[in-house]
Amino acid sequence: ARATRATGTGVETPRTMSVTPSARVCAMLSSRLTHATLERRASSLRFSKAANARRNARGATITASGLNITPPVSDGTVRVRFAPSPTGSLHVGGARTALFNYLYAKKMGGKFVLRVEDTDQARSTRASEDSMVADLKWLGLDWDEGPDVGGPCGPYRQSERGEIYKALAEKLVASGHVYPCFCTDEELEAMKAEAEEKKLPPKYMGKWATASEAEVKEMMDKGVPFTYRFRVPEGERIEIDDMVRGKVGWDTNTLGDFVVLRSNGMPVYNFCVAVDDATMGITHVLRAEEHLPNTLRQALVYNALGFPLPTFAHMSLILAPDRSKLSKRHGATSVGQFKDEGYLSKTMVNYLSLLGWNDGTEQEIYEKAELEKLFSVERINKSPAVFDKVKLNWMNGQHLRLLPDADVEALVGEALVASDLLKESSGATVQAIIPLIKESIELVEDAVPQVQAMFEFPLKENMGDDAMKKVLDDDFEPIVDAIVKAHASGELAAAVKEGTMKQFINATGKALDRKGKRLFMPFRIALTGRMQGPDVGEVLTLLDKAAGSSDKIVSLDDRVAALKAAFPAAVAN
């Protein structure tokens, strides 16, 4: 079944609230059960066995919450969510999931909800949550509802939704869909081993699914720890119409009764997710295919509670170039790492959007605004996507070149100051540098070695290179002599200042009867100490403009002096 949008969480007191249009439900939620109230109540996620607990028809003990939870009323608007667990950094896989949900909401005129799944108390941290939020904001994926911005369907942290889980757990116990299980870890391990020996799916085979009320009462009175298990119906088939994978189904006979509440009262993942998606009115669940097996358990919870299923779309995994699962051994995998390495946020959005999706054209470079209009779930590919760092680098270079010069100057200037190549991050020197490197850098940090190469004069170090030796052995001395004499007369410096180095080189070539590579390569080596790089005249003009802005520059005077020292015979003649 495909649900449509709901705009408020129907959390109501039994005596005064009924199902109402969504706006009214949300207003009543705000006035009767505030975020602060739920946050205070959330501290009692544990289902106590205190004296005020009631006995339900199955004999399970659970604290009464006094709340009746219903899904919010739909008004037809698409509602999607991104629900990270704050146990580490935002991985590129999670970032893609967030992006696809964001784009779908934008395309459909819907709402994008951020929910924090922080019930793993041992691993979840607020620092991790803050880091993930910062990464999402850096990507420009603004949400309509969430922990920091609020909304009608909060709280938006699972740790603050204890009363909601409690009320719906009561409902499942009362209806017989959930029962207490007193099996020990040893007993459960024995069941698992027996199933493995018989080559059967691991299923719960304990006595507590059919225990009498007297047996349950006896264990309760003894204070024996217990969990709550969901009673899986036999002989049924659960099917979904997945927007990416088509019809997907499971036989319930393959699944044993599963835990929904731990012995410490904490709800488990699949119960929380189903409850949260329903009570937040989530209409479409776009997530990675690794969550596909969870869908059966979640669908059973939905059905038991009488809630409509959302529409599911399970996206393919992101693989490394070697087709293995993308991991840290393949390099950076978190959004924060890519940010620190100098990638543009618009590049990451563009690249992630193409990991498993395309618009049916050959276009590869997109702005976020374009993606918001073009994205469609129907174009998501079933096949795994491969994270190609080479392609990502190329794409970042394309986006750098699309930036206004002022933006590139600011980024490059900061990088050059940070690497001690420049004293100031803005001004004439940076402006002169950008045209020389803009077409060749892929990352902002690429500017550092390129600028450093222009500032340096490694002639002596490179003279032993075989390729350079061939040039030096081909009557190199007359070029040296011409450069030294032109420098002494001031002709060389004038050509640099006037931007006429090409004419100077051609005139020298005419005098020496040299042209083409036999002319320009010796000049490049003599004045830059290298065989590759930007135009020689542009490099020398940059050095002239940059004088005083860096302590790393080898000036024209110093270059000619080094050239004379390296080829004393040429100068003597």
Protein backbone atom coordinates (compact mmCIF):
# COMPACT_ATOMS: atom_id res chain seq x y z
CA ALA A 1 0.00 0.00 0.00
CA ARG A 2 1.24 3.48 -0.83
CA ALA A 3 0.63 6.13 1.77
CA THR A 4 0.40 9.85 1.13
CA ARG A 5 1.60 12.74 3.19
CA ALA A 6 0.73 13.44 6.79
CA THR A 7 1.74 16.69 8.39
CA GLY A 8 1.43 16.09 12.10
CA THR A 9 1.96 13.40 14.71
CA GLY A 10 -1.37 12.35 16.16
CA VAL A 11 -0.29 12.13 19.79
CA GLU A 12 -3.47 12.52 21.81
CA THR A 13 -4.91 12.15 25.27
CA PRO A 14 -7.69 9.55 25.18
CA ARG A 15 -10.36 11.75 26.75
CA THR A 16 -9.96 14.92 24.73
CA MET A 17 -8.42 14.23 21.31
CA SER A 18 -9.70 12.58 18.17
CA VAL A 19 -8.45 12.26 14.59
CA THR A 20 -8.59 15.70 13.01
CA PRO A 21 -7.22 17.39 9.87
CA SER A 22 -3.44 17.49 10.01
CA ALA A 23 -2.98 21.18 10.78
CA ARG A 24 -5.30 20.89 13.76
CA VAL A 25 -3.60 17.72 15.00
CA CYS A 26 -0.22 19.48 14.85
CA ALA A 27 -1.58 22.49 16.71
CA MET A 28 -3.01 20.28 19.43
CA LEU A 29 0.24 18.37 19.66
CA SER A 30 2.10 21.61 20.27
CA SER A 31 -0.28 22.70 23.02
CA ARG A 32 -0.90 19.41 24.83
CA LEU A 33 2.29 17.42 24.44
CA THR A 34 5.21 19.73 23.81
CA HIS A 35 8.72 18.81 22.72
CA ALA A 36 9.97 19.60 26.20
CA THR A 37 7.36 17.30 27.74
CA LEU A 38 8.37 14.41 25.51
CA GLU A 39 12.04 15.07 26.21
CA ARG A 40 11.41 14.80 29.94
CA ARG A 41 9.36 11.67 29.49
CA ALA A 42 11.92 10.16 27.15
CA SER A 43 14.24 9.57 30.07
CA SER A 44 11.89 6.73 31.05
CA LEU A 45 12.40 4.62 27.96
CA ARG A 46 12.63 1.66 30.31
CA PHE A 47 9.35 -0.19 30.75
CA SER A 48 9.23 -0.57 34.54
CA LYS A 49 7.57 -3.29 36.54
CA ALA A 50 6.43 -0.84 39.19
CA ALA A 51 3.22 -1.07 41.17
CA ASN A 52 1.38 1.28 38.86
CA ALA A 53 1.90 -1.01 35.83
CA ARG A 54 -1.13 -2.67 34.36
CA ARG A 55 -1.65 -6.28 33.41
CA ASN A 56 -2.69 -6.83 29.79
CA ALA A 57 -4.52 -9.78 28.30
CA ARG A 58 -1.29 -11.66 27.61
CA GLY A 59 0.12 -11.21 31.06
CA ALA A 60 3.00 -8.96 30.05
CA THR A 61 3.83 -6.09 32.37
CA ILE A 62 4.31 -2.67 30.84
CA THR A 63 4.02 0.87 32.18
CA ALA A 64 0.90 2.72 31.06
CA SER A 65 1.64 5.92 29.16
CA GLY A 66 -1.86 7.37 28.89
CA LEU A 67 -1.31 8.30 25.23
CA ASN A 68 -3.10 7.21 22.09
CA ILE A 69 -0.85 7.49 19.03
CA THR A 70 -2.26 7.68 15.53
CA PRO A 71 -0.62 8.54 12.22
CA PRO A 72 -1.21 12.14 11.16
CA VAL A 73 -3.84 12.91 8.57
CA SER A 74 -2.63 13.13 4.99
CA ASP A 75 -3.12 16.09 2.71
CA GLY A 76 -1.42 14.42 -0.28
CA THR A 77 2.01 16.04 0.12
CA VAL A 78 5.10 13.88 -0.28
CA ARG A 79 7.11 13.55 2.94
CA VAL A 80 10.54 11.92 2.96
CA ARG A 81 13.20 11.61 5.61
CA PHE A 82 16.89 11.08 6.17
CA ALA A 83 17.52 9.26 9.43
CA PRO A 84 21.23 8.90 10.29
CA SER A 85 22.62 7.27 13.40
CA PRO A 86 25.09 9.66 15.09
CA THR A 87 27.77 7.05 15.67
CA GLY A 88 30.47 8.43 13.37
CA SER A 89 30.95 10.60 10.32
CA LEU A 90 28.54 11.12 7.43
CA HIS A 91 29.61 8.51 4.87
CA VAL A 92 29.20 9.21 1.15
CA GLY A 93 26.56 6.48 1.03
CA GLY A 94 24.51 8.26 3.67
CA ALA A 95 25.09 11.58 1.94
CA ARG A 96 23.72 10.15 -1.32
CA THR A 97 20.65 8.84 0.51
CA ALA A 98 20.10 12.28 2.03
CA LEU A 99 20.60 13.93 -1.36
CA PHE A 100 18.14 11.66 -3.19
CA ASN A 101 15.51 12.27 -0.50
CA TYR A 102 16.13 16.01 -0.65
CA LEU A 103 15.90 16.07 -4.46
CA TYR A 104 12.73 13.99 -4.48
CA ALA A 105 11.10 16.32 -1.98
CA LYS A 106 12.08 19.33 -4.06
CA LYS A 107 10.89 17.76 -7.31
CA MET A 108 7.54 16.76 -5.80
CA GLY A 109 6.98 19.94 -3.81
CA GLY A 110 7.17 17.91 -0.60
CA LYS A 111 8.84 18.03 2.80
CA PHE A 112 12.31 16.79 3.72
CA VAL A 113 12.60 15.63 7.33
CA LEU A 114 15.80 15.04 9.31
CA ARG A 115 15.44 12.45 12.07
CA VAL A 116 18.27 11.34 14.36
CA GLU A 117 18.25 7.65 15.25
CA ASP A 118 20.23 7.77 18.48
CA THR A 119 18.87 4.88 20.52
CA ASP A 120 22.28 3.18 20.46
CA GLN A 121 23.26 4.83 23.71
CA ALA A 122 26.70 3.25 23.82
CA ARG A 123 27.82 4.66 20.44
CA SER A 124 25.64 7.70 19.74
CA THR A 125 27.15 11.08 20.57
CA ARG A 126 25.95 14.64 20.20
CA ALA A 127 29.34 15.51 18.69
CA SER A 128 28.69 13.02 15.88
CA GLU A 129 25.21 14.45 15.36
CA ASP A 130 26.62 17.97 15.15
CA SER A 131 29.23 16.81 12.65
CA MET A 132 26.62 15.16 10.43
CA VAL A 133 24.38 18.21 10.58
CA ALA A 134 27.32 20.43 9.60
CA ASP A 135 28.15 18.16 6.64
CA LEU A 136 24.54 18.16 5.43
CA LYS A 137 24.42 21.95 5.65
CA TRP A 138 27.73 22.19 3.76
CA LEU A 139 26.12 20.15 0.98
CA GLY A 140 23.21 22.59 0.98
CA LEU A 141 20.63 19.96 1.90
CA ASP A 142 18.33 22.08 4.03
CA TRP A 143 15.51 20.24 5.80
CA ASP A 144 12.00 21.42 6.54
CA GLU A 145 11.72 19.63 9.89
CA GLY A 146 14.37 18.31 12.26
CA PRO A 147 15.95 18.49 15.72
CA ASP A 148 17.36 21.97 15.17
CA VAL A 149 14.45 23.56 13.32
CA GLY A 150 11.55 21.77 14.98
CA GLY A 151 8.31 20.93 13.23
CA PRO A 152 4.83 19.52 13.85
CA CYS A 153 5.89 15.87 14.02
CA GLY A 154 8.65 16.03 16.62
CA PRO A 155 10.56 15.22 18.64
CA TYR A 156 13.03 14.40 15.88
CA ARG A 157 15.49 12.43 18.00
CA GLN A 158 14.57 8.85 18.83
CA SER A 159 15.99 9.27 22.32
CA GLU A 160 13.26 11.86 22.93
CA ARG A 161 10.37 9.74 21.61
CA GLY A 162 10.16 7.22 24.43
CA GLU A 163 6.52 7.95 25.26
CA ILE A 164 5.48 7.32 21.68
CA TYR A 165 7.23 3.93 21.57
CA LYS A 166 5.79 3.05 24.94
CA ALA A 167 2.21 3.82 23.94
CA LEU A 168 2.44 1.77 20.73
CA ALA A 169 4.16 -1.10 22.50
CA GLU A 170 1.18 -1.17 24.88
CA LYS A 171 -1.12 -1.40 21.90
CA LEU A 172 0.77 -4.36 20.46
CA VAL A 173 0.84 -6.18 23.80
CA ALA A 174 -2.88 -5.62 24.28
CA SER A 175 -3.67 -6.92 20.80
CA GLY A 176 -1.54 -10.03 21.25
CA HIS A 177 0.97 -9.11 18.57
CA VAL A 178 3.75 -8.87 21.17
CA TYR A 179 4.54 -11.15 24.11
CA PRO A 180 7.19 -11.32 26.86
CA CYS A 181 10.07 -13.72 26.31
CA PHE A 182 12.16 -14.93 29.25
CA CYS A 183 14.65 -17.02 27.26
CA THR A 184 18.25 -16.74 28.38
CA ASP A 185 21.14 -16.01 26.04
CA GLU A 186 22.22 -19.63 26.36
CA GLU A 187 18.82 -20.89 25.27
CA LEU A 188 18.77 -18.57 22.29
CA GLU A 189 22.26 -19.66 21.24
CA ALA A 190 21.16 -23.29 21.44
CA MET A 191 18.20 -22.56 19.15
CA LYS A 192 20.51 -20.85 16.68
CA ALA A 193 22.96 -23.76 16.69
CA GLU A 194 20.14 -26.26 16.16
CA ALA A 195 18.83 -24.29 13.19
CA GLU A 196 22.30 -24.12 11.66
CA GLU A 197 22.77 -27.85 12.13
CA LYS A 198 19.48 -28.53 10.35
CA LYS A 199 20.32 -25.88 7.71
CA LEU A 200 17.19 -23.94 8.56
CA PRO A 201 16.70 -20.18 8.81
CA PRO A 202 17.41 -18.97 12.37
CA LYS A 203 14.00 -18.73 14.02
CA TYR A 204 12.79 -18.34 17.56
CA MET A 205 11.50 -21.70 18.81
CA GLY A 206 11.09 -20.96 22.50
CA LYS A 207 8.08 -21.75 24.69
CA TRP A 208 7.07 -18.17 25.46
CA ALA A 209 5.12 -17.66 22.25
CA THR A 210 2.52 -20.05 23.62
CA ALA A 211 3.07 -19.70 27.37
CA SER A 212 0.08 -19.45 29.66
CA GLU A 213 -0.72 -16.38 31.70
CA ALA A 214 0.19 -18.31 34.83
CA GLU A 215 3.65 -19.14 33.48
CA VAL A 216 4.25 -15.53 32.56
CA LYS A 217 3.03 -14.33 35.97
CA GLU A 218 5.36 -16.73 37.75
CA MET A 219 8.41 -15.38 35.89
CA MET A 220 7.28 -11.79 36.40
CA ASP A 221 6.88 -12.33 40.12
CA LYS A 222 10.40 -13.72 40.27
CA GLY A 223 11.74 -10.61 38.57
CA VAL A 224 13.29 -12.58 35.69
CA PRO A 225 14.52 -10.25 32.90
CA PHE A 226 12.57 -10.47 29.68
CA THR A 227 12.27 -8.98 26.23
CA TYR A 228 9.17 -8.36 24.16
CA ARG A 229 8.90 -10.36 20.93
CA PHE A 230 6.71 -9.70 17.94
CA ARG A 231 4.48 -12.64 17.07
CA VAL A 232 5.14 -13.29 13.35
CA PRO A 233 2.03 -14.66 11.59
CA GLU A 234 2.50 -17.98 9.83
CA GLY A 235 1.78 -18.69 6.19
CA GLU A 236 1.49 -15.11 5.05
CA ARG A 237 3.27 -13.22 2.30
CA ILE A 238 4.26 -9.58 2.61
CA GLU A 239 4.83 -7.71 -0.64
CA ILE A 240 5.86 -4.17 -1.51
CA ASP A 241 5.92 -2.36 -4.84
CA ASP A 242 9.42 -0.94 -4.67
CA MET A 243 9.92 2.14 -6.86
CA VAL A 244 13.39 0.95 -7.87
CA ARG A 245 13.20 -2.84 -7.73
CA GLY A 246 9.59 -3.50 -8.60
CA LYS A 247 7.58 -6.07 -6.68
CA VAL A 248 9.47 -7.58 -3.75
CA GLY A 249 7.99 -10.14 -1.35
CA TRP A 250 8.77 -12.33 1.65
CA ASP A 251 7.12 -15.37 3.17
CA THR A 252 6.60 -14.90 6.89
CA ASN A 253 7.54 -18.53 7.48
CA THR A 254 11.16 -17.54 6.84
CA LEU A 255 11.15 -15.20 9.84
CA GLY A 256 10.97 -16.09 13.49
CA ASP A 257 9.42 -13.99 16.24
CA PHE A 258 11.72 -11.01 16.65
CA VAL A 259 12.50 -8.72 19.56
CA VAL A 260 10.90 -5.27 19.57
CA LEU A 261 11.85 -4.25 23.11
CA ARG A 262 15.06 -5.24 24.87
CA SER A 263 15.20 -6.38 28.46
CA ASN A 264 16.29 -2.88 29.51
CA GLY A 265 13.17 -1.43 27.92
CA MET A 266 14.95 0.06 24.92
CA PRO A 267 13.08 -0.40 21.64
CA VAL A 268 14.97 -2.03 18.76
CA TYR A 269 15.72 -0.49 15.38
CA ASN A 270 12.94 -1.98 13.25
CA PHE A 271 10.24 -1.11 15.76
CA CYS A 272 11.47 2.48 16.12
CA VAL A 273 11.78 3.03 12.38
CA ALA A 274 8.28 1.77 11.62
CA VAL A 275 6.77 3.82 14.44
CA ASP A 276 8.70 6.97 13.53
CA ASP A 277 7.92 6.81 9.82
CA ALA A 278 4.23 6.29 10.54
CA THR A 279 3.85 8.94 13.23
CA MET A 280 5.86 11.46 11.21
CA GLY A 281 3.65 10.86 8.20
CA ILE A 282 6.52 9.71 5.98
CA THR A 283 5.03 8.78 2.63
CA HIS A 284 8.14 7.61 0.76
CA VAL A 285 11.17 5.81 2.19
CA LEU A 286 14.22 6.14 -0.07
CA ARG A 287 17.17 4.22 1.38
CA ALA A 288 20.05 1.88 0.53
CA GLU A 289 19.32 -1.68 -0.53
CA GLU A 290 21.08 -3.01 2.57
CA HIS A 291 17.88 -2.04 4.41
CA LEU A 292 15.69 -4.17 2.14
CA PRO A 293 15.69 -7.20 4.52
CA ASN A 294 14.45 -4.91 7.33
CA THR A 295 11.33 -4.12 5.35
CA LEU A 296 9.59 -7.38 6.28
CA ARG A 297 9.84 -6.74 10.02
CA GLN A 298 8.83 -3.10 9.59
CA ALA A 299 5.85 -4.02 7.40
CA LEU A 300 4.66 -6.48 10.04
CA VAL A 301 4.82 -3.75 12.69
CA TYR A 302 2.92 -1.38 10.41
CA ASN A 303 0.21 -3.95 9.78
CA ALA A 304 -0.11 -4.90 13.44
CA LEU A 305 -0.59 -1.25 14.39
CA GLY A 306 -3.04 -0.68 11.56
CA PHE A 307 -0.83 1.96 9.95
CA PRO A 308 -0.56 2.37 6.15
CA LEU A 309 2.75 1.38 4.60
CA PRO A 310 4.87 4.08 2.95
CA THR A 311 6.15 3.65 -0.59
CA PHE A 312 9.66 2.17 -0.59
CA ALA A 313 12.60 2.76 -2.94
CA HIS A 314 15.77 0.80 -2.22
CA MET A 315 18.88 2.19 -3.92
CA SER A 316 21.91 0.20 -4.98
CA LEU A 317 25.09 0.13 -2.93
CA ILE A 318 28.15 2.27 -3.65
CA LEU A 319 31.20 0.17 -4.46
CA ALA A 320 34.92 0.89 -4.68
CA PRO A 321 36.67 0.66 -8.08
CA ASP A 322 37.66 -2.94 -7.25
CA ARG A 323 33.92 -3.72 -6.85
CA SER A 324 34.29 -4.31 -3.12
CA LYS A 325 32.31 -2.38 -0.54
CA LEU A 326 33.60 1.18 -0.25
CA SER A 327 35.63 1.52 2.94
CA LYS A 328 38.38 3.57 4.56
CA ARG A 329 41.06 1.47 2.88
CA HIS A 330 40.00 3.08 -0.41
CA GLY A 331 40.79 6.55 0.92
CA ALA A 332 38.40 9.26 2.00
CA THR A 333 34.83 8.02 2.45
CA SER A 334 33.21 10.69 4.64
CA VAL A 335 31.84 14.03 3.51
CA GLY A 336 34.00 15.84 6.05
CA GLN A 337 37.16 14.30 4.62
CA PHE A 338 36.31 15.40 1.10
CA LYS A 339 35.57 18.90 2.38
CA ASP A 340 38.95 19.02 4.13
CA GLU A 341 40.68 17.81 0.97
CA GLY A 342 39.39 20.83 -0.92
CA TYR A 343 36.44 19.48 -2.87
CA LEU A 344 33.63 21.93 -3.56
CA SER A 345 30.24 21.20 -2.03
CA LYS A 346 28.62 21.64 -5.46
CA THR A 347 30.98 18.99 -6.84
CA MET A 348 29.98 16.50 -4.16
CA VAL A 349 26.28 17.13 -4.81
CA ASN A 350 26.80 16.73 -8.57
CA TYR A 351 28.90 13.59 -8.23
CA LEU A 352 26.72 11.89 -5.63
CA SER A 353 23.63 12.55 -7.74
CA LEU A 354 25.14 10.47 -10.56
CA LEU A 355 25.91 7.48 -8.36
CA GLY A 356 22.98 5.36 -9.48
CA TRP A 357 20.94 8.03 -11.27
CA ASN A 358 20.98 9.92 -14.56
CA ASP A 359 18.50 12.02 -16.49
CA GLY A 360 18.82 9.98 -19.69
CA THR A 361 21.23 12.40 -21.39
CA GLU A 362 25.01 12.61 -21.75
CA GLN A 363 25.19 15.64 -19.46
CA GLU A 364 27.54 15.25 -16.49
CA ILE A 365 27.88 18.70 -14.94
CA TYR A 366 24.86 19.92 -12.98
CA GLU A 367 24.06 22.68 -10.56
CA LYS A 368 21.88 21.76 -7.57
CA ALA A 369 18.99 23.83 -8.90
CA GLU A 370 19.04 21.78 -12.12
CA LEU A 371 18.98 18.51 -10.19
CA GLU A 372 15.99 19.66 -8.15
CA LYS A 373 14.01 19.96 -11.38
CA LEU A 374 15.36 16.89 -13.19
CA PHE A 375 15.51 14.24 -10.47
CA SER A 376 13.12 11.30 -10.61
CA VAL A 377 13.09 8.02 -8.72
CA GLU A 378 12.18 6.21 -11.93
CA ARG A 379 15.67 6.97 -13.28
CA ILE A 380 17.47 5.35 -10.32
CA ASN A 381 19.51 2.37 -11.51
CA LYS A 382 19.29 -1.04 -9.85
CA SER A 383 22.96 -1.82 -10.49
CA PRO A 384 25.63 -0.90 -7.93
CA ALA A 385 27.36 2.44 -8.43
CA VAL A 386 31.16 2.69 -8.44
CA PHE A 387 32.85 5.54 -6.60
CA ASP A 388 35.56 6.73 -8.99
CA LYS A 389 37.96 9.24 -7.42
CA VAL A 390 39.44 10.09 -10.82
CA LYS A 391 36.01 11.08 -12.11
CA LEU A 392 35.34 13.05 -8.93
CA ASN A 393 38.59 14.97 -9.35
CA TRP A 394 37.78 15.77 -12.97
CA MET A 395 34.33 16.97 -11.99
CA ASN A 396 35.74 19.20 -9.25
CA GLY A 397 38.03 20.80 -11.81
CA GLN A 398 35.05 21.48 -14.06
CA HIS A 399 33.16 23.16 -11.23
CA LEU A 400 36.22 25.19 -10.24
CA ARG A 401 36.41 26.56 -13.76
CA LEU A 402 32.74 27.50 -13.65
CA LEU A 403 33.23 29.60 -10.54
CA PRO A 404 33.66 33.37 -10.88
CA ASP A 405 37.33 34.40 -10.84
CA ALA A 406 36.82 36.20 -7.53
CA ASP A 407 35.70 32.96 -5.87
CA VAL A 408 38.63 31.00 -7.28
CA GLU A 409 41.02 33.76 -6.18
CA ALA A 410 39.68 33.55 -2.63
CA LEU A 411 40.03 29.77 -2.46
CA VAL A 412 43.47 29.63 -4.06
CA GLY A 413 44.72 32.62 -2.08
CA GLU A 414 43.85 30.94 1.21
CA ALA A 415 45.59 27.74 0.13
CA LEU A 416 48.77 29.59 -0.93
CA VAL A 417 48.95 31.52 2.34
CA ALA A 418 48.37 28.33 4.33
CA SER A 419 51.31 26.72 2.51
CA ASP A 420 53.56 29.77 3.12
CA LEU A 421 53.91 30.51 -0.59
CA LEU A 422 52.27 33.92 -0.27
CA LYS A 423 52.05 36.49 2.48
CA GLU A 424 48.59 37.77 1.47
CA SER A 425 45.60 35.78 0.24
CA SER A 426 44.32 38.49 -2.09
CA GLY A 427 45.65 41.16 -4.38
CA ALA A 428 47.50 41.49 -7.68
CA THR A 429 49.69 38.42 -7.18
CA VAL A 430 46.75 36.04 -6.70
CA GLN A 431 44.94 37.66 -9.61
CA ALA A 432 47.99 37.06 -11.80
CA ILE A 433 48.28 33.44 -10.67
CA ILE A 434 44.70 32.35 -11.45
CA PRO A 435 44.91 32.52 -15.29
CA LEU A 436 48.06 30.39 -15.20
CA ILE A 437 46.55 27.52 -13.19
CA LYS A 438 42.76 27.66 -13.50
CA GLU A 439 42.56 25.31 -16.48
CA SER A 440 44.91 22.71 -15.00
CA ILE A 441 43.89 22.31 -11.35
CA GLU A 442 41.25 19.84 -10.18
CA LEU A 443 41.47 20.61 -6.48
CA VAL A 444 42.25 23.96 -4.91
CA GLU A 445 45.25 22.33 -3.26
CA ASP A 446 46.64 21.53 -6.73
CA ALA A 447 47.47 25.22 -6.99
CA VAL A 448 50.15 24.89 -4.32
CA PRO A 449 52.64 22.65 -6.19
CA GLN A 450 51.95 24.47 -9.47
CA VAL A 451 52.67 27.88 -8.01
CA GLN A 452 55.64 26.50 -6.12
CA ALA A 453 57.02 25.15 -9.41
CA MET A 454 56.75 28.62 -10.97
CA PHE A 455 58.43 30.29 -8.00
CA GLU A 456 61.35 27.85 -7.88
CA PHE A 457 64.28 27.49 -10.27
CA PRO A 458 65.47 23.85 -10.06
CA LEU A 459 67.86 23.97 -13.02
CA LYS A 460 70.79 22.41 -11.20
CA GLU A 461 68.65 19.60 -9.78
CA ASN A 462 67.11 18.75 -13.17
CA MET A 463 70.20 18.91 -15.37
CA GLY A 464 70.85 15.21 -14.81
CA ASP A 465 67.48 14.22 -16.29
CA ASP A 466 67.96 12.25 -19.52
CA ALA A 467 65.34 14.22 -21.45
CA MET A 468 66.80 17.54 -20.35
CA LYS A 469 70.35 16.40 -21.12
CA LYS A 470 69.35 15.87 -24.76
CA VAL A 471 68.29 19.52 -24.98
CA LEU A 472 71.39 20.77 -23.15
CA ASP A 473 73.66 18.78 -25.47
CA ASP A 474 72.02 20.32 -28.55
CA ASP A 475 74.03 23.55 -28.75
CA PHE A 476 72.51 25.02 -25.59
CA GLU A 477 75.31 27.53 -24.86
CA PRO A 478 74.33 30.15 -27.47
CA ILE A 479 70.91 30.42 -25.83
CA VAL A 480 72.58 30.95 -22.45
CA ASP A 481 74.86 33.60 -23.90
CA ALA A 482 71.92 35.45 -25.50
CA ILE A 483 69.94 35.45 -22.26
CA VAL A 484 72.87 36.66 -20.16
CA LYS A 485 73.66 39.50 -22.55
CA ALA A 486 69.98 40.54 -22.82
CA HIS A 487 69.73 40.59 -19.04
CA ALA A 488 72.86 42.71 -18.71
CA SER A 489 71.54 45.24 -21.25
CA GLY A 490 68.10 45.41 -19.66
CA GLU A 491 66.42 44.04 -22.80
CA LEU A 492 65.23 40.90 -21.03
CA ALA A 493 63.70 42.76 -18.08
CA ALA A 494 61.97 45.15 -20.49
CA ALA A 495 60.47 42.25 -22.45
CA VAL A 496 59.13 40.81 -19.21
CA LYS A 497 57.54 44.07 -18.09
CA GLU A 498 56.09 44.87 -21.51
CA GLY A 499 54.80 41.33 -22.07
CA THR A 500 56.86 40.87 -25.24
CA MET A 501 58.83 37.77 -24.29
CA LYS A 502 57.57 35.81 -27.31
CA GLN A 503 58.87 38.47 -29.67
CA PHE A 504 62.20 38.50 -27.81
CA ILE A 505 62.54 34.72 -28.10
CA ASN A 506 61.63 34.76 -31.80
CA ALA A 507 64.16 37.51 -32.46
CA THR A 508 66.86 35.51 -30.69
CA GLY A 509 65.91 32.43 -32.68
CA LYS A 510 66.20 34.35 -35.94
CA ALA A 511 69.67 35.56 -34.93
CA LEU A 512 70.76 32.03 -33.99
CA ASP A 513 68.95 30.35 -36.88
CA ARG A 514 66.78 28.28 -34.51
CA LYS A 515 63.05 27.79 -34.35
CA GLY A 516 60.32 25.58 -33.00
CA LYS A 517 61.15 23.16 -30.24
CA ARG A 518 64.92 23.76 -30.63
CA LEU A 519 64.28 27.38 -29.72
CA PHE A 520 61.47 27.41 -27.19
CA MET A 521 62.49 24.38 -25.08
CA PRO A 522 66.02 25.71 -24.37
CA PHE A 523 64.53 29.07 -23.39
CA ARG A 524 62.05 27.30 -21.05
CA ILE A 525 64.83 25.33 -19.39
CA ALA A 526 67.14 28.35 -19.12
CA LEU A 527 64.50 30.58 -17.48
CA THR A 528 62.37 28.13 -15.45
CA GLY A 529 64.69 25.16 -14.83
CA ARG A 530 61.94 22.81 -16.07
CA MET A 531 60.70 21.24 -19.29
CA GLN A 532 57.00 21.72 -18.54
CA GLY A 533 54.82 24.50 -17.25
CA PRO A 534 52.84 27.58 -18.28
CA ASP A 535 54.06 29.99 -20.93
CA VAL A 536 57.58 31.21 -20.05
CA GLY A 537 56.73 34.86 -20.60
CA GLU A 538 53.64 34.60 -18.37
CA VAL A 539 55.67 32.93 -15.62
CA LEU A 540 58.32 35.69 -15.70
CA THR A 541 55.61 38.37 -15.71
CA LEU A 542 54.06 36.73 -12.65
CA LEU A 543 57.40 36.69 -10.84
CA ASP A 544 57.85 40.38 -11.60
CA LYS A 545 54.38 41.25 -10.25
CA ALA A 546 54.82 38.98 -7.22
CA ALA A 547 58.10 40.51 -6.11
CA GLY A 548 57.86 41.17 -2.38
CA SER A 549 54.72 39.09 -1.90
CA SER A 550 56.60 35.86 -1.22
CA ASP A 551 59.91 34.75 0.22
CA LYS A 552 59.86 31.65 -2.00
CA ILE A 553 60.35 33.40 -5.35
CA VAL A 554 63.60 32.99 -7.27
CA SER A 555 63.87 36.34 -9.06
CA LEU A 556 64.93 36.89 -12.66
CA ASP A 557 68.29 38.23 -11.47
CA ASP A 558 68.91 35.11 -9.38
CA ARG A 559 67.86 32.84 -12.25
CA VAL A 560 70.32 34.45 -14.65
CA ALA A 561 73.05 34.23 -12.00
CA ALA A 562 72.36 30.52 -11.52
CA LEU A 563 72.36 30.00 -15.29
CA LYS A 564 75.76 31.69 -15.59
CA ALA A 565 77.14 29.54 -12.77
CA ALA A 566 75.84 26.34 -14.41
CA PHE A 567 77.30 27.21 -17.85
CA PRO A 568 80.42 29.32 -17.27
CA ALA A 569 81.96 28.36 -20.62
CA ALA A 570 78.99 29.73 -22.55
CA VAL A 571 79.28 33.09 -20.81
CA ALA A 572 83.08 33.22 -21.19
CA ASN A 573 82.76 32.86 -24.95
